[in-house]
Every structure is written in structure tokens, then in C-alpha cells.
Amino acid sequence: MTSVVILDDDQETIDNLSTYLKMHDIETLGTATDGSFGLELYEKHNPDYIITDYNMPKRDGLFVIDSVKKLYPECKIIVLSGFASPEIKLQSIASEGVTVLEKPVNNEELLAALS
């Protein structure tokens, strides 16, 4: 079974994603509303993917990418962004194993990114 951790400052988004993913046999192992917990959650749960919002207070999605990829370059990360500008995509894609999806998330695109 595929597993994820979800980082988003909007709890409703976390809940909706978790519910949808569960319906498709994808297990949510942990969640947080701040990107500063990204590395901690990855180390604790060792999920197949991290799904992270790009724009969060305190620590954003790029912080998650940088902190996790330095120690675990094999980690796959999906970045969700309400304003997926070309700069965000370029910054994120600079790391191998990173996918950027625009909000609102297209469920089919999310499932494709998780396969």
C-alpha cells in the first residue's frame, strides 16, 4: 500500500486529501500544518511520498524539499500550490523526484503523481 505524509496549513485540505486517498488505498501516516515538521514526519514514518503545500506560515514547501532532499534524496515529494508560477515549478523541479500540482488539486493528477 502506498503511504504519504501531508503538510498543509489548512486542516480542511489535509482532511479532504486524507479521506480521498484512503478511498484509493493510499495510507496517510502523519500530518502537520507547518512545513518545519516535514523532515521529522519523514524520518518517523518513512512514507512513499510527502505531499506539501507550497505556501505555509513559518516554513514553506521549499524548506521541506531542501531539508528532506539533503538527507534523503530518494524521497518523492508532491508540492501543492495555489499559485504555481513558473518560478515555483523551476525551483521545485530542480530537485529530482518533485512534482508540482496546482490547487485546487485535480484528483486524477494527484493519483497519477502517486503512481
Protein backbone atom coordinates (compact mmCIF):
# COMPACT_ATOMS: atom_id res chain seq x y z
CA MET A 1 0.00 0.00 0.00
CA THR A 2 1.29 3.45 -0.92
CA SER A 3 1.82 5.79 2.03
CA VAL A 4 2.05 9.57 2.44
CA VAL A 5 2.51 12.33 4.96
CA ILE A 6 0.61 15.55 4.30
CA LEU A 7 1.77 19.08 5.18
CA ASP A 8 -0.69 21.93 4.68
CA ASP A 9 -1.63 24.95 6.79
CA ASP A 10 -5.31 24.29 6.03
CA GLN A 11 -6.67 21.44 8.15
CA GLU A 12 -9.68 21.03 5.84
CA THR A 13 -7.33 20.37 2.92
CA ILE A 14 -5.48 17.77 4.99
CA ASP A 15 -8.75 16.07 5.94
CA ASN A 16 -10.08 16.09 2.37
CA LEU A 17 -6.85 14.71 0.93
CA SER A 18 -6.62 12.01 3.60
CA THR A 19 -10.20 10.91 3.00
CA TYR A 20 -9.81 10.85 -0.77
CA LEU A 21 -6.51 8.99 -0.65
CA LYS A 22 -7.91 6.40 1.76
CA MET A 23 -10.67 5.65 -0.77
CA HIS A 24 -7.86 4.73 -3.20
CA ASP A 25 -5.89 2.56 -0.74
CA ILE A 26 -3.28 5.22 -0.01
CA GLU A 27 -2.47 5.49 3.67
CA THR A 28 -1.83 8.82 5.40
CA LEU A 29 0.79 8.11 8.07
CA GLY A 30 1.03 11.62 9.51
CA THR A 31 0.02 15.23 9.01
CA ALA A 32 1.18 18.69 10.07
CA THR A 33 0.11 22.28 9.47
CA ASP A 34 3.67 23.61 9.28
CA GLY A 35 6.48 22.66 6.91
CA SER A 36 9.01 22.62 9.74
CA PHE A 37 7.71 19.14 10.65
CA GLY A 38 8.36 17.70 7.18
CA LEU A 39 11.73 16.12 7.95
CA GLU A 40 10.53 14.84 11.33
CA LEU A 41 7.46 13.18 9.81
CA TYR A 42 9.52 11.63 7.02
CA GLU A 43 12.04 10.18 9.46
CA LYS A 44 9.32 8.91 11.81
CA HIS A 45 7.05 7.30 9.20
CA ASN A 46 9.26 6.76 6.12
CA PRO A 47 6.35 7.28 3.68
CA ASP A 48 6.50 6.69 -0.05
CA TYR A 49 5.61 10.37 -0.64
CA ILE A 50 5.43 13.72 1.10
CA ILE A 51 2.54 15.90 -0.05
CA THR A 52 3.22 19.50 0.94
CA ASP A 53 1.60 22.86 0.39
CA TYR A 54 3.98 25.39 -1.12
CA ASN A 55 2.81 28.45 0.80
CA MET A 56 2.66 27.93 4.58
CA PRO A 57 3.49 30.13 7.55
CA LYS A 58 6.87 29.62 9.23
CA ARG A 59 8.33 27.03 6.83
CA ASP A 60 7.15 26.60 3.24
CA GLY A 61 7.29 23.80 0.71
CA LEU A 62 10.77 24.75 -0.49
CA PHE A 63 12.02 24.36 3.08
CA VAL A 64 10.50 20.86 3.11
CA ILE A 65 12.16 19.98 -0.21
CA ASP A 66 15.55 21.33 0.87
CA SER A 67 15.60 19.77 4.34
CA VAL A 68 14.34 16.34 3.28
CA LYS A 69 16.25 16.03 -0.01
CA LYS A 70 19.59 16.86 1.64
CA LEU A 71 19.37 13.74 3.79
CA TYR A 72 17.03 11.58 1.72
CA PRO A 73 17.49 12.32 -1.98
CA GLU A 74 15.31 9.33 -2.91
CA CYS A 75 12.24 10.86 -1.21
CA LYS A 76 9.39 11.69 -3.57
CA ILE A 77 7.61 14.98 -2.90
CA ILE A 78 4.41 16.43 -4.34
CA VAL A 79 4.11 20.20 -3.94
CA LEU A 80 0.62 21.73 -3.99
CA SER A 81 0.40 25.38 -4.92
CA GLY A 82 -2.46 27.82 -5.34
CA PHE A 83 -0.16 29.95 -7.46
CA ALA A 84 2.11 27.58 -9.31
CA SER A 85 4.15 30.19 -11.12
CA PRO A 86 6.96 29.15 -13.45
CA GLU A 87 9.46 30.17 -10.75
CA ILE A 88 7.94 27.79 -8.22
CA LYS A 89 7.99 24.97 -10.72
CA LEU A 90 11.59 25.65 -11.66
CA GLN A 91 12.73 25.88 -8.04
CA SER A 92 10.90 22.69 -7.11
CA ILE A 93 11.76 20.68 -10.19
CA ALA A 94 15.42 21.46 -9.60
CA SER A 95 15.14 18.57 -7.15
CA GLU A 96 14.65 15.18 -8.73
CA GLY A 97 11.55 13.36 -7.53
CA VAL A 98 9.49 16.53 -7.03
CA THR A 99 6.12 17.06 -8.72
CA VAL A 100 4.22 20.37 -8.62
CA LEU A 101 0.40 20.37 -8.81
CA GLU A 102 -1.83 23.43 -8.82
CA LYS A 103 -4.63 23.97 -6.33
CA PRO A 104 -7.42 23.18 -6.41
CA VAL A 105 -5.93 19.74 -6.88
CA ASN A 106 -7.22 17.64 -9.74
CA ASN A 107 -7.77 14.23 -8.12
CA GLU A 108 -6.76 12.30 -11.23
CA GLU A 109 -3.49 14.26 -11.48
CA LEU A 110 -2.80 13.57 -7.80
CA LEU A 111 -3.37 9.84 -8.21
CA ALA A 112 -1.15 9.84 -11.32
CA ALA A 113 1.61 11.60 -9.36
CA LEU A 114 1.32 8.94 -6.64
CA SER A 115 1.82 6.05 -9.04
